Amino acid sequence: MKLSAREAEACFARPDPDKAGILIYGADPMRVAHRRQQYLAALLGEGAEEEMRLTRMQGAALRSDRAALLDAVKAVGFFPGPRAVFVEEASDAAEPAIRAALEDWARGDAQIVVTAGQLGKGSKLRKLFEAHPGVWAIGLYDDPPSRGEVARALAAAGIRDPSPDGLAMLGALAAELGPGDFAQLLEKVALYKLGDDTPLGPEDIAACAPQSTEAALDDLLHAVAEGRVGEIGPLLRRLQAQGTGAVALCIGATRHFRTLYAAASDPGGPAAGVARLRPPVFGARRDRLRRQAEHWGAARLEQALSILTDTDLALRSAGQTAPAMALAERALIRLAMLGRPR
């Protein structure tokens, strides 16, 4: 039986022990593995591996030994509790063995948990699980998790009562990060907030979120927009050491100042303009962009974009002889001086 996204979420949280099995498939192996772990943990509880209530086998092995799966499903365990047989990386070649095990399955047998990669509509394995009334078939796609899924993940990590901005920021990060990276982020946040009863906010998440070259570029662009000329050189050297080129710097600066221009020229004012930005920004960064847009104003931001356009054309010119990074640094210093209070 094929499950919808909402039904699948309930299934992962509260598996039905009376079902014969489940097929979890998708193009992203990490996403499939994460959901399989969640399902088995909810189905079997703690200590399943140590108590030998979980049997693992490769899908490829079932091609030559079709009886192995049925034998594992029917085997009697030494410890009480639900049992499962996990078939990893199954393909259509394993369909006959899985079909035979499902046909002979009875209540009290081990549940059959099968994972696979991307399966088309014509897949024999997918058709078997979608047509069988006693099993589930769940396809995982690259859709970002819903707000409810993020809230449940937070609760599972021991984080309760997040602020609205914190929950929204986590939702945005969940859409950017893979399921494994997002799970690691939640673990870091849970440790960071250990013993802290205040609501989870964007600043807490920012302190735990993975840092990258983009974070260093943001530091540089904020220094430029806020007129801190003395910080431009050291930050520029840091980015250069990380392999960032002059054209990439110019593109990043143009994107930042276009964002400020969109906010500053909004009919409702910079605050309304920042609130309408997509993707949305949260917490301290939102306040910072608002202050920058208010300080610059639309007229000066037009001048800034003109400087960046000229610099970009110069950097891409075939006849350019001046060092590219020196041109980019000169443009950023001009922008910082332009943005200083008059």
C-alpha atoms as a PDB file:
ATOM      1  CA  MET A   1       0.000   0.000   0.000  1.00  0.00           C
ATOM      2  CA  LYS A   2       1.421   3.354  -1.055  1.00  0.00           C
ATOM      3  CA  LEU A   3       1.490   6.022   1.632  1.00  0.00           C
ATOM      4  CA  SER A   4       1.211   9.784   1.195  1.00  0.00           C
ATOM      5  CA  ALA A   5       3.743  12.130   2.802  1.00  0.00           C
ATOM      6  CA  ARG A   6       1.466  12.808   5.802  1.00  0.00           C
ATOM      7  CA  GLU A   7       0.696   9.106   6.285  1.00  0.00           C
ATOM      8  CA  ALA A   8       4.385   8.267   5.947  1.00  0.00           C
ATOM      9  CA  GLU A   9       5.331  10.683   8.736  1.00  0.00           C
ATOM     10  CA  ALA A  10       2.869   8.986  11.106  1.00  0.00           C
ATOM     11  CA  CYS A  11       4.173   5.591  10.011  1.00  0.00           C
ATOM     12  CA  PHE A  12       7.789   6.482  10.821  1.00  0.00           C
ATOM     13  CA  ALA A  13       6.777   7.801  14.230  1.00  0.00           C
ATOM     14  CA  ARG A  14       4.469   4.885  15.166  1.00  0.00           C
ATOM     15  CA  PRO A  15       5.076   1.730  13.069  1.00  0.00           C
ATOM     16  CA  ASP A  16       2.334  -0.878  12.988  1.00  0.00           C
ATOM     17  CA  PRO A  17       3.810  -4.156  14.354  1.00  0.00           C
ATOM     18  CA  ASP A  18       1.059  -6.145  12.603  1.00  0.00           C
ATOM     19  CA  LYS A  19       2.253  -5.119   9.147  1.00  0.00           C
ATOM     20  CA  ALA A  20       4.310  -7.675   7.219  1.00  0.00           C
ATOM     21  CA  GLY A  21       6.827  -5.169   5.924  1.00  0.00           C
ATOM     22  CA  ILE A  22       7.747  -1.801   4.493  1.00  0.00           C
ATOM     23  CA  LEU A  23       9.652  -0.588   1.429  1.00  0.00           C
ATOM     24  CA  ILE A  24      11.539   2.706   1.750  1.00  0.00           C
ATOM     25  CA  TYR A  25      13.068   3.929  -1.513  1.00  0.00           C
ATOM     26  CA  GLY A  26      14.514   7.130  -2.929  1.00  0.00           C
ATOM     27  CA  ALA A  27      17.368   8.675  -4.913  1.00  0.00           C
ATOM     28  CA  ASP A  28      19.182  10.044  -1.835  1.00  0.00           C
ATOM     29  CA  PRO A  29      20.833   7.165   0.103  1.00  0.00           C
ATOM     30  CA  MET A  30      21.348   9.367   3.179  1.00  0.00           C
ATOM     31  CA  ARG A  31      17.668  10.312   3.309  1.00  0.00           C
ATOM     32  CA  VAL A  32      16.628   6.661   2.932  1.00  0.00           C
ATOM     33  CA  ALA A  33      19.080   5.522   5.625  1.00  0.00           C
ATOM     34  CA  HIS A  34      17.897   8.222   8.032  1.00  0.00           C
ATOM     35  CA  ARG A  35      14.249   7.225   7.646  1.00  0.00           C
ATOM     36  CA  ARG A  36      15.067   3.528   7.930  1.00  0.00           C
ATOM     37  CA  GLN A  37      16.923   4.157  11.195  1.00  0.00           C
ATOM     38  CA  GLN A  38      13.980   6.180  12.508  1.00  0.00           C
ATOM     39  CA  TYR A  39      11.528   3.425  11.579  1.00  0.00           C
ATOM     40  CA  LEU A  40      13.551   0.564  13.081  1.00  0.00           C
ATOM     41  CA  ALA A  41      14.191   2.493  16.295  1.00  0.00           C
ATOM     42  CA  ALA A  42      10.456   3.156  16.721  1.00  0.00           C
ATOM     43  CA  LEU A  43       9.514  -0.429  15.794  1.00  0.00           C
ATOM     44  CA  LEU A  44      12.079  -2.394  17.804  1.00  0.00           C
ATOM     45  CA  GLY A  45      12.987  -0.055  20.653  1.00  0.00           C
ATOM     46  CA  GLU A  46      16.358  -0.092  22.380  1.00  0.00           C
ATOM     47  CA  GLY A  47      18.718  -3.042  22.456  1.00  0.00           C
ATOM     48  CA  ALA A  48      17.470  -4.719  19.268  1.00  0.00           C
ATOM     49  CA  GLU A  49      20.983  -5.385  17.937  1.00  0.00           C
ATOM     50  CA  GLU A  50      22.290  -6.782  21.242  1.00  0.00           C
ATOM     51  CA  GLU A  51      19.208  -8.970  21.696  1.00  0.00           C
ATOM     52  CA  MET A  52      19.474 -10.281  18.116  1.00  0.00           C
ATOM     53  CA  ARG A  53      16.002  -9.040  17.230  1.00  0.00           C
ATOM     54  CA  LEU A  54      17.324  -7.402  14.049  1.00  0.00           C
ATOM     55  CA  THR A  55      18.762  -9.401  11.153  1.00  0.00           C
ATOM     56  CA  ARG A  56      20.552  -7.659   8.289  1.00  0.00           C
ATOM     57  CA  MET A  57      21.102  -8.930   4.763  1.00  0.00           C
ATOM     58  CA  GLN A  58      22.026  -7.493   1.386  1.00  0.00           C
ATOM     59  CA  GLY A  59      19.424  -7.439  -1.354  1.00  0.00           C
ATOM     60  CA  ALA A  60      21.944  -8.813  -3.874  1.00  0.00           C
ATOM     61  CA  ALA A  61      22.401 -11.959  -1.766  1.00  0.00           C
ATOM     62  CA  LEU A  62      18.739 -12.914  -2.213  1.00  0.00           C
ATOM     63  CA  ARG A  63      19.247 -13.567  -5.917  1.00  0.00           C
ATOM     64  CA  SER A  64      21.277 -16.712  -5.218  1.00  0.00           C
ATOM     65  CA  ASP A  65      19.651 -17.698  -1.909  1.00  0.00           C
ATOM     66  CA  ARG A  66      15.937 -16.996  -2.054  1.00  0.00           C
ATOM     67  CA  ALA A  67      15.165 -19.030   1.071  1.00  0.00           C
ATOM     68  CA  ALA A  68      17.456 -16.954   3.310  1.00  0.00           C
ATOM     69  CA  LEU A  69      14.899 -14.198   3.814  1.00  0.00           C
ATOM     70  CA  LEU A  70      12.032 -16.552   4.664  1.00  0.00           C
ATOM     71  CA  ASP A  71      14.246 -18.461   7.100  1.00  0.00           C
ATOM     72  CA  ALA A  72      15.191 -15.204   8.865  1.00  0.00           C
ATOM     73  CA  VAL A  73      11.556 -14.063   9.012  1.00  0.00           C
ATOM     74  CA  LYS A  74      10.421 -17.363  10.559  1.00  0.00           C
ATOM     75  CA  ALA A  75      13.349 -17.759  12.967  1.00  0.00           C
ATOM     76  CA  VAL A  76      12.434 -17.756  16.666  1.00  0.00           C
ATOM     77  CA  GLY A  77      14.366 -15.235  18.761  1.00  0.00           C
ATOM     78  CA  PHE A  78      15.932 -15.846  22.173  1.00  0.00           C
ATOM     79  CA  PHE A  79      14.630 -12.547  23.570  1.00  0.00           C
ATOM     80  CA  PRO A  80      11.053 -11.292  23.728  1.00  0.00           C
ATOM     81  CA  GLY A  81       9.966  -8.301  21.686  1.00  0.00           C
ATOM     82  CA  PRO A  82       9.315  -7.348  18.072  1.00  0.00           C
ATOM     83  CA  ARG A  83      11.756  -8.559  15.425  1.00  0.00           C
ATOM     84  CA  ALA A  84      12.711  -7.300  11.966  1.00  0.00           C
ATOM     85  CA  VAL A  85      14.739  -8.420   8.960  1.00  0.00           C
ATOM     86  CA  PHE A  86      16.402  -5.514   7.199  1.00  0.00           C
ATOM     87  CA  VAL A  87      17.094  -6.012   3.467  1.00  0.00           C
ATOM     88  CA  GLU A  88      19.500  -3.321   2.275  1.00  0.00           C
ATOM     89  CA  GLU A  89      19.888  -1.985  -1.268  1.00  0.00           C
ATOM     90  CA  ALA A  90      17.293  -4.270  -2.780  1.00  0.00           C
ATOM     91  CA  SER A  91      16.512  -4.288  -6.486  1.00  0.00           C
ATOM     92  CA  ASP A  92      14.019  -6.035  -8.737  1.00  0.00           C
ATOM     93  CA  ALA A  93      16.285  -9.085  -8.675  1.00  0.00           C
ATOM     94  CA  ALA A  94      15.308  -9.594  -5.014  1.00  0.00           C
ATOM     95  CA  GLU A  95      11.575  -9.346  -5.753  1.00  0.00           C
ATOM     96  CA  PRO A  96      10.911 -13.144  -6.006  1.00  0.00           C
ATOM     97  CA  ALA A  97      12.492 -13.823  -2.601  1.00  0.00           C
ATOM     98  CA  ILE A  98      10.662 -10.919  -0.955  1.00  0.00           C
ATOM     99  CA  ARG A  99       7.362 -11.949  -2.574  1.00  0.00           C
ATOM    100  CA  ALA A 100       7.726 -15.511  -1.234  1.00  0.00           C
ATOM    101  CA  ALA A 101       8.480 -14.241   2.274  1.00  0.00           C
ATOM    102  CA  LEU A 102       5.464 -11.897   2.226  1.00  0.00           C
ATOM    103  CA  GLU A 103       3.126 -14.647   0.995  1.00  0.00           C
ATOM    104  CA  ASP A 104       4.217 -16.942   3.844  1.00  0.00           C
ATOM    105  CA  TRP A 105       4.297 -14.203   6.522  1.00  0.00           C
ATOM    106  CA  ALA A 106       2.149 -14.691   9.629  1.00  0.00           C
ATOM    107  CA  ARG A 107       1.545 -12.592  12.736  1.00  0.00           C
ATOM    108  CA  GLY A 108       4.471 -13.033  15.114  1.00  0.00           C
ATOM    109  CA  ASP A 109       7.034 -13.301  12.326  1.00  0.00           C
ATOM    110  CA  ALA A 110       9.769 -10.719  11.898  1.00  0.00           C
ATOM    111  CA  GLN A 111       8.733  -7.640   9.932  1.00  0.00           C
ATOM    112  CA  ILE A 112      10.489  -7.213   6.562  1.00  0.00           C
ATOM    113  CA  VAL A 113      12.095  -3.777   6.172  1.00  0.00           C
ATOM    114  CA  VAL A 114      13.427  -3.177   2.653  1.00  0.00           C
ATOM    115  CA  THR A 115      15.392  -0.174   1.375  1.00  0.00           C
ATOM    116  CA  ALA A 116      16.159   0.615  -2.250  1.00  0.00           C
ATOM    117  CA  GLY A 117      17.383   3.393  -4.485  1.00  0.00           C
ATOM    118  CA  GLN A 118      15.231   5.243  -6.984  1.00  0.00           C
ATOM    119  CA  LEU A 119      12.504   2.911  -8.309  1.00  0.00           C
ATOM    120  CA  GLY A 120      10.448   3.741 -11.383  1.00  0.00           C
ATOM    121  CA  LYS A 121       6.743   3.096 -11.700  1.00  0.00           C
ATOM    122  CA  GLY A 122       7.480  -0.100 -13.623  1.00  0.00           C
ATOM    123  CA  SER A 123       9.672  -1.561 -10.863  1.00  0.00           C
ATOM    124  CA  LYS A 124       8.551  -5.054  -9.825  1.00  0.00           C
ATOM    125  CA  LEU A 125       9.612  -4.410  -6.239  1.00  0.00           C
ATOM    126  CA  ARG A 126       7.667  -1.172  -6.014  1.00  0.00           C
ATOM    127  CA  LYS A 127       4.569  -2.742  -7.609  1.00  0.00           C
ATOM    128  CA  LEU A 128       4.738  -5.638  -5.107  1.00  0.00           C
ATOM    129  CA  PHE A 129       4.636  -3.358  -2.069  1.00  0.00           C
ATOM    130  CA  GLU A 130       2.123  -0.880  -3.507  1.00  0.00           C
ATOM    131  CA  ALA A 131      -0.343  -3.643  -4.422  1.00  0.00           C
ATOM    132  CA  HIS A 132       0.002  -5.683  -1.211  1.00  0.00           C
ATOM    133  CA  PRO A 133      -2.555  -4.608   1.456  1.00  0.00           C
ATOM    134  CA  GLY A 134      -0.446  -5.817   4.365  1.00  0.00           C
ATOM    135  CA  VAL A 135       2.692  -3.778   3.679  1.00  0.00           C
ATOM    136  CA  TRP A 136       3.709  -0.162   3.135  1.00  0.00           C
ATOM    137  CA  ALA A 137       5.577   1.515   0.289  1.00  0.00           C
ATOM    138  CA  ILE A 138       7.103   4.942   0.910  1.00  0.00           C
ATOM    139  CA  GLY A 139       8.991   6.969  -1.696  1.00  0.00           C
ATOM    140  CA  LEU A 140      11.338   9.681  -0.431  1.00  0.00           C
ATOM    141  CA  TYR A 141      11.931  12.741  -2.575  1.00  0.00           C
ATOM    142  CA  ASP A 142      13.990  15.910  -2.201  1.00  0.00           C
ATOM    143  CA  ASP A 143      11.087  17.968  -0.867  1.00  0.00           C
ATOM    144  CA  PRO A 144      12.106  20.123   2.131  1.00  0.00           C
ATOM    145  CA  PRO A 145      10.665  18.972   5.465  1.00  0.00           C
ATOM    146  CA  SER A 146       7.476  20.596   6.636  1.00  0.00           C
ATOM    147  CA  ARG A 147       7.252  22.829   9.707  1.00  0.00           C
ATOM    148  CA  GLY A 148       5.606  19.953  11.598  1.00  0.00           C
ATOM    149  CA  GLU A 149       8.442  17.561  10.709  1.00  0.00           C
ATOM    150  CA  VAL A 150      11.018  20.080  11.945  1.00  0.00           C
ATOM    151  CA  ALA A 151       9.058  20.555  15.187  1.00  0.00           C
ATOM    152  CA  ARG A 152       8.923  16.779  15.737  1.00  0.00           C
ATOM    153  CA  ALA A 153      12.645  16.472  15.053  1.00  0.00           C
ATOM    154  CA  LEU A 154      13.277  19.205  17.642  1.00  0.00           C
ATOM    155  CA  ALA A 155      11.122  17.412  20.221  1.00  0.00           C
ATOM    156  CA  ALA A 156      12.966  14.148  19.559  1.00  0.00           C
ATOM    157  CA  ALA A 157      16.260  15.969  20.179  1.00  0.00           C
ATOM    158  CA  GLY A 158      14.931  17.275  23.505  1.00  0.00           C
ATOM    159  CA  ILE A 159      14.404  20.872  22.321  1.00  0.00           C
ATOM    160  CA  ARG A 160      11.035  22.341  23.216  1.00  0.00           C
ATOM    161  CA  ASP A 161       9.359  25.734  22.867  1.00  0.00           C
ATOM    162  CA  PRO A 162      11.474  27.170  20.020  1.00  0.00           C
ATOM    163  CA  SER A 163      10.765  30.766  19.081  1.00  0.00           C
ATOM    164  CA  PRO A 164       8.881  31.308  15.788  1.00  0.00           C
ATOM    165  CA  ASP A 165      12.027  32.773  14.196  1.00  0.00           C
ATOM    166  CA  GLY A 166      14.101  29.854  15.464  1.00  0.00           C
ATOM    167  CA  LEU A 167      11.674  27.314  14.027  1.00  0.00           C
ATOM    168  CA  ALA A 168      11.560  29.159  10.699  1.00  0.00           C
ATOM    169  CA  MET A 169      15.375  29.325  10.528  1.00  0.00           C
ATOM    170  CA  LEU A 170      15.646  25.600  11.212  1.00  0.00           C
ATOM    171  CA  GLY A 171      13.116  24.966   8.459  1.00  0.00           C
ATOM    172  CA  ALA A 172      15.267  26.943   6.025  1.00  0.00           C
ATOM    173  CA  LEU A 173      18.409  25.054   7.103  1.00  0.00           C
ATOM    174  CA  ALA A 174      16.616  21.708   6.797  1.00  0.00           C
ATOM    175  CA  ALA A 175      15.873  22.558   3.170  1.00  0.00           C
ATOM    176  CA  GLU A 176      19.551  23.364   2.510  1.00  0.00           C
ATOM    177  CA  LEU A 177      21.249  20.569   4.476  1.00  0.00           C
ATOM    178  CA  GLY A 178      21.008  16.846   3.903  1.00  0.00           C
ATOM    179  CA  PRO A 179      19.152  14.754   6.502  1.00  0.00           C
ATOM    180  CA  GLY A 180      22.408  13.566   8.084  1.00  0.00           C
ATOM    181  CA  ASP A 181      23.853  17.073   8.380  1.00  0.00           C
ATOM    182  CA  PHE A 182      20.560  18.386   9.742  1.00  0.00           C
ATOM    183  CA  ALA A 183      20.446  15.618  12.363  1.00  0.00           C
ATOM    184  CA  GLN A 184      23.989  16.566  13.437  1.00  0.00           C
ATOM    185  CA  LEU A 185      22.940  20.210  13.672  1.00  0.00           C
ATOM    186  CA  LEU A 186      20.042  19.262  15.974  1.00  0.00           C
ATOM    187  CA  GLU A 187      22.446  17.296  18.197  1.00  0.00           C
ATOM    188  CA  LYS A 188      24.728  20.329  18.451  1.00  0.00           C
ATOM    189  CA  VAL A 189      21.790  22.615  19.235  1.00  0.00           C
ATOM    190  CA  ALA A 190      20.539  20.215  21.912  1.00  0.00           C
ATOM    191  CA  LEU A 191      23.962  20.212  23.601  1.00  0.00           C
ATOM    192  CA  TYR A 192      24.255  23.981  23.229  1.00  0.00           C
ATOM    193  CA  LYS A 193      20.883  24.505  24.948  1.00  0.00           C
ATOM    194  CA  LEU A 194      21.487  21.901  27.673  1.00  0.00           C
ATOM    195  CA  GLY A 195      20.356  23.440  30.952  1.00  0.00           C
ATOM    196  CA  ASP A 196      19.091  26.580  29.201  1.00  0.00           C
ATOM    197  CA  ASP A 197      15.321  27.005  29.526  1.00  0.00           C
ATOM    198  CA  THR A 198      15.033  30.069  27.281  1.00  0.00           C
ATOM    199  CA  PRO A 199      13.294  29.574  23.899  1.00  0.00           C
ATOM    200  CA  LEU A 200      15.540  28.459  21.045  1.00  0.00           C
ATOM    201  CA  GLY A 201      16.323  31.519  18.893  1.00  0.00           C
ATOM    202  CA  PRO A 202      18.149  32.250  15.614  1.00  0.00           C
ATOM    203  CA  GLU A 203      21.292  33.310  17.507  1.00  0.00           C
ATOM    204  CA  ASP A 204      21.502  29.881  19.180  1.00  0.00           C
ATOM    205  CA  ILE A 205      21.134  28.142  15.825  1.00  0.00           C
ATOM    206  CA  ALA A 206      23.684  30.410  14.132  1.00  0.00           C
ATOM    207  CA  ALA A 207      26.207  29.493  16.850  1.00  0.00           C
ATOM    208  CA  CYS A 208      25.811  25.799  15.963  1.00  0.00           C
ATOM    209  CA  ALA A 209      25.244  25.940  12.198  1.00  0.00           C
ATOM    210  CA  PRO A 210      28.071  24.747   9.943  1.00  0.00           C
ATOM    211  CA  GLN A 211      30.467  27.519   9.001  1.00  0.00           C
ATOM    212  CA  SER A 212      31.690  27.885   5.423  1.00  0.00           C
ATOM    213  CA  THR A 213      33.286  30.285   2.969  1.00  0.00           C
ATOM    214  CA  GLU A 214      29.875  31.953   2.692  1.00  0.00           C
ATOM    215  CA  ALA A 215      30.058  32.889   6.380  1.00  0.00           C
ATOM    216  CA  ALA A 216      33.432  34.572   5.821  1.00  0.00           C
ATOM    217  CA  LEU A 217      32.052  36.356   2.763  1.00  0.00           C
ATOM    218  CA  ASP A 218      29.107  37.603   4.826  1.00  0.00           C
ATOM    219  CA  ASP A 219      31.545  39.036   7.388  1.00  0.00           C
ATOM    220  CA  LEU A 220      33.353  40.924   4.627  1.00  0.00           C
ATOM    221  CA  LEU A 221      30.169  42.278   3.042  1.00  0.00           C
ATOM    222  CA  HIS A 222      28.783  43.440   6.370  1.00  0.00           C
ATOM    223  CA  ALA A 223      32.083  45.244   7.044  1.00  0.00           C
ATOM    224  CA  VAL A 224      31.789  46.984   3.666  1.00  0.00           C
ATOM    225  CA  ALA A 225      28.129  47.912   4.139  1.00  0.00           C
ATOM    226  CA  GLU A 226      28.825  49.262   7.629  1.00  0.00           C
ATOM    227  CA  GLY A 227      31.852  51.337   6.582  1.00  0.00           C
ATOM    228  CA  ARG A 228      34.465  49.390   8.587  1.00  0.00           C
ATOM    229  CA  VAL A 229      37.300  50.016   6.119  1.00  0.00           C
ATOM    230  CA  GLY A 230      40.074  48.683   8.379  1.00  0.00           C
ATOM    231  CA  GLU A 231      38.554  45.189   8.448  1.00  0.00           C
ATOM    232  CA  ILE A 232      38.298  44.766   4.674  1.00  0.00           C
ATOM    233  CA  GLY A 233      41.955  43.882   4.032  1.00  0.00           C
ATOM    234  CA  PRO A 234      42.298  41.069   6.617  1.00  0.00           C
ATOM    235  CA  LEU A 235      38.921  39.558   5.696  1.00  0.00           C
ATOM    236  CA  LEU A 236      39.825  39.711   2.010  1.00  0.00           C
ATOM    237  CA  ARG A 237      43.121  37.887   2.646  1.00  0.00           C
ATOM    238  CA  ARG A 238      41.255  35.216   4.578  1.00  0.00           C
ATOM    239  CA  LEU A 239      38.850  34.617   1.692  1.00  0.00           C
ATOM    240  CA  GLN A 240      41.688  34.640  -0.806  1.00  0.00           C
ATOM    241  CA  ALA A 241      43.460  31.952   1.224  1.00  0.00           C
ATOM    242  CA  GLN A 242      40.279  29.851   1.058  1.00  0.00           C
ATOM    243  CA  GLY A 243      40.361  30.041  -2.739  1.00  0.00           C
ATOM    244  CA  THR A 244      37.731  32.727  -3.322  1.00  0.00           C
ATOM    245  CA  GLY A 245      38.367  34.673  -6.525  1.00  0.00           C
ATOM    246  CA  ALA A 246      37.801  38.327  -7.345  1.00  0.00           C
ATOM    247  CA  VAL A 247      34.831  37.644  -9.622  1.00  0.00           C
ATOM    248  CA  ALA A 248      33.128  35.582  -6.897  1.00  0.00           C
ATOM    249  CA  LEU A 249      33.678  38.459  -4.450  1.00  0.00           C
ATOM    250  CA  CYS A 250      32.124  40.905  -6.896  1.00  0.00           C
ATOM    251  CA  ILE A 251      29.138  38.643  -7.490  1.00  0.00           C
ATOM    252  CA  GLY A 252      28.619  38.216  -3.734  1.00  0.00           C
ATOM    253  CA  ALA A 253      28.846  41.957  -3.117  1.00  0.00           C
ATOM    254  CA  THR A 254      26.397  42.662  -5.951  1.00  0.00           C
ATOM    255  CA  ARG A 255      23.907  40.171  -4.502  1.00  0.00           C
ATOM    256  CA  HIS A 256      24.196  41.750  -1.046  1.00  0.00           C
ATOM    257  CA  PHE A 257      23.707  45.322  -2.270  1.00  0.00           C
ATOM    258  CA  ARG A 258      20.812  44.293  -4.523  1.00  0.00           C
ATOM    259  CA  THR A 259      19.180  42.809  -1.425  1.00  0.00           C
ATOM    260  CA  LEU A 260      19.679  46.081   0.418  1.00  0.00           C
ATOM    261  CA  TYR A 261      18.345  48.040  -2.560  1.00  0.00           C
ATOM    262  CA  ALA A 262      15.213  45.875  -2.727  1.00  0.00           C
ATOM    263  CA  ALA A 263      14.589  46.522   0.970  1.00  0.00           C
ATOM    264  CA  ALA A 264      15.381  50.245   0.828  1.00  0.00           C
ATOM    265  CA  SER A 265      13.126  50.850  -2.188  1.00  0.00           C
ATOM    266  CA  ASP A 266      10.148  48.899  -0.793  1.00  0.00           C
ATOM    267  CA  PRO A 267       7.003  51.101  -0.584  1.00  0.00           C
ATOM    268  CA  GLY A 268       6.462  49.957   3.007  1.00  0.00           C
ATOM    269  CA  GLY A 269       9.956  50.960   4.071  1.00  0.00           C
ATOM    270  CA  PRO A 270      13.162  48.969   4.737  1.00  0.00           C
ATOM    271  CA  ALA A 271      11.627  46.932   7.559  1.00  0.00           C
ATOM    272  CA  ALA A 272       8.792  45.731   5.329  1.00  0.00           C
ATOM    273  CA  GLY A 273      11.253  45.146   2.487  1.00  0.00           C
ATOM    274  CA  VAL A 274      13.494  42.938   4.627  1.00  0.00           C
ATOM    275  CA  ALA A 275      10.446  41.003   5.844  1.00  0.00           C
ATOM    276  CA  ARG A 276       9.538  40.270   2.207  1.00  0.00           C
ATOM    277  CA  LEU A 277      12.978  38.948   1.229  1.00  0.00           C
ATOM    278  CA  ARG A 278      13.165  35.443  -0.245  1.00  0.00           C
ATOM    279  CA  PRO A 279      14.729  33.316   1.042  1.00  0.00           C
ATOM    280  CA  PRO A 280      13.731  34.833   4.382  1.00  0.00           C
ATOM    281  CA  VAL A 281      16.252  36.080   6.923  1.00  0.00           C
ATOM    282  CA  PHE A 282      15.883  35.815  10.678  1.00  0.00           C
ATOM    283  CA  GLY A 283      16.972  37.207  14.007  1.00  0.00           C
ATOM    284  CA  ALA A 284      20.051  39.409  14.254  1.00  0.00           C
ATOM    285  CA  ARG A 285      20.809  39.158  10.517  1.00  0.00           C
ATOM    286  CA  ARG A 286      17.352  40.507   9.664  1.00  0.00           C
ATOM    287  CA  ASP A 287      17.839  43.488  12.002  1.00  0.00           C
ATOM    288  CA  ARG A 288      21.297  44.063  10.572  1.00  0.00           C
ATOM    289  CA  LEU A 289      20.078  44.156   6.971  1.00  0.00           C
ATOM    290  CA  ARG A 290      17.271  46.515   7.971  1.00  0.00           C
ATOM    291  CA  ARG A 291      19.725  48.916   9.613  1.00  0.00           C
ATOM    292  CA  GLN A 292      22.021  48.813   6.576  1.00  0.00           C
ATOM    293  CA  ALA A 293      19.142  49.470   4.158  1.00  0.00           C
ATOM    294  CA  GLU A 294      17.914  52.382   6.279  1.00  0.00           C
ATOM    295  CA  HIS A 295      21.422  53.858   6.507  1.00  0.00           C
ATOM    296  CA  TRP A 296      22.268  53.620   2.801  1.00  0.00           C
ATOM    297  CA  GLY A 297      18.970  54.592   1.217  1.00  0.00           C
ATOM    298  CA  ALA A 298      17.961  53.736  -2.332  1.00  0.00           C
ATOM    299  CA  ALA A 299      19.966  56.547  -3.998  1.00  0.00           C
ATOM    300  CA  ARG A 300      23.357  55.588  -2.554  1.00  0.00           C
ATOM    301  CA  LEU A 301      22.640  51.900  -3.134  1.00  0.00           C
ATOM    302  CA  GLU A 302      22.143  52.682  -6.826  1.00  0.00           C
ATOM    303  CA  GLN A 303      25.621  54.255  -6.838  1.00  0.00           C
ATOM    304  CA  ALA A 304      27.038  51.173  -5.097  1.00  0.00           C
ATOM    305  CA  LEU A 305      25.518  48.849  -7.680  1.00  0.00           C
ATOM    306  CA  SER A 306      26.927  51.015 -10.465  1.00  0.00           C
ATOM    307  CA  ILE A 307      30.442  50.697  -8.960  1.00  0.00           C
ATOM    308  CA  LEU A 308      30.059  46.925  -8.691  1.00  0.00           C
ATOM    309  CA  THR A 309      28.803  46.624 -12.271  1.00  0.00           C
ATOM    310  CA  ASP A 310      31.816  48.577 -13.594  1.00  0.00           C
ATOM    311  CA  THR A 311      34.164  46.435 -11.491  1.00  0.00           C
ATOM    312  CA  ASP A 312      32.596  43.214 -12.740  1.00  0.00           C
ATOM    313  CA  LEU A 313      32.977  44.342 -16.361  1.00  0.00           C
ATOM    314  CA  ALA A 314      36.615  45.266 -15.722  1.00  0.00           C
ATOM    315  CA  LEU A 315      37.352  41.898 -14.093  1.00  0.00           C
ATOM    316  CA  ARG A 316      35.876  40.015 -17.055  1.00  0.00           C
ATOM    317  CA  SER A 317      37.541  42.211 -19.688  1.00  0.00           C
ATOM    318  CA  ALA A 318      40.070  40.421 -21.898  1.00  0.00           C
ATOM    319  CA  GLY A 319      42.343  43.459 -21.914  1.00  0.00           C
ATOM    320  CA  GLN A 320      42.488  43.861 -18.149  1.00  0.00           C
ATOM    321  CA  THR A 321      46.111  44.010 -16.891  1.00  0.00           C
ATOM    322  CA  ALA A 322      45.700  45.111 -13.250  1.00  0.00           C
ATOM    323  CA  PRO A 323      45.621  42.352 -10.589  1.00  0.00           C
ATOM    324  CA  ALA A 324      42.040  41.125 -10.219  1.00  0.00           C
ATOM    325  CA  MET A 325      42.049  40.988  -6.419  1.00  0.00           C
ATOM    326  CA  ALA A 326      43.448  44.521  -6.213  1.00  0.00           C
ATOM    327  CA  LEU A 327      40.552  45.759  -8.383  1.00  0.00           C
ATOM    328  CA  ALA A 328      38.024  43.980  -6.171  1.00  0.00           C
ATOM    329  CA  GLU A 329      39.610  45.365  -2.980  1.00  0.00           C
ATOM    330  CA  ARG A 330      39.628  48.894  -4.404  1.00  0.00           C
ATOM    331  CA  ALA A 331      35.913  48.632  -5.254  1.00  0.00           C
ATOM    332  CA  LEU A 332      35.018  47.339  -1.779  1.00  0.00           C
ATOM    333  CA  ILE A 333      36.950  50.157  -0.099  1.00  0.00           C
ATOM    334  CA  ARG A 334      35.166  52.702  -2.323  1.00  0.00           C
ATOM    335  CA  LEU A 335      31.850  51.213  -1.260  1.00  0.00           C
ATOM    336  CA  ALA A 336      32.774  51.343   2.432  1.00  0.00           C
ATOM    337  CA  MET A 337      33.777  54.997   2.092  1.00  0.00           C
ATOM    338  CA  LEU A 338      30.586  55.779   0.160  1.00  0.00           C
ATOM    339  CA  GLY A 339      28.479  54.267   2.945  1.00  0.00           C
ATOM    340  CA  ARG A 340      30.074  56.259   5.764  1.00  0.00           C
ATOM    341  CA  PRO A 341      27.939  58.943   7.426  1.00  0.00           C
ATOM    342  CA  ARG A 342      28.206  62.289   5.711  1.00  0.00           C
END
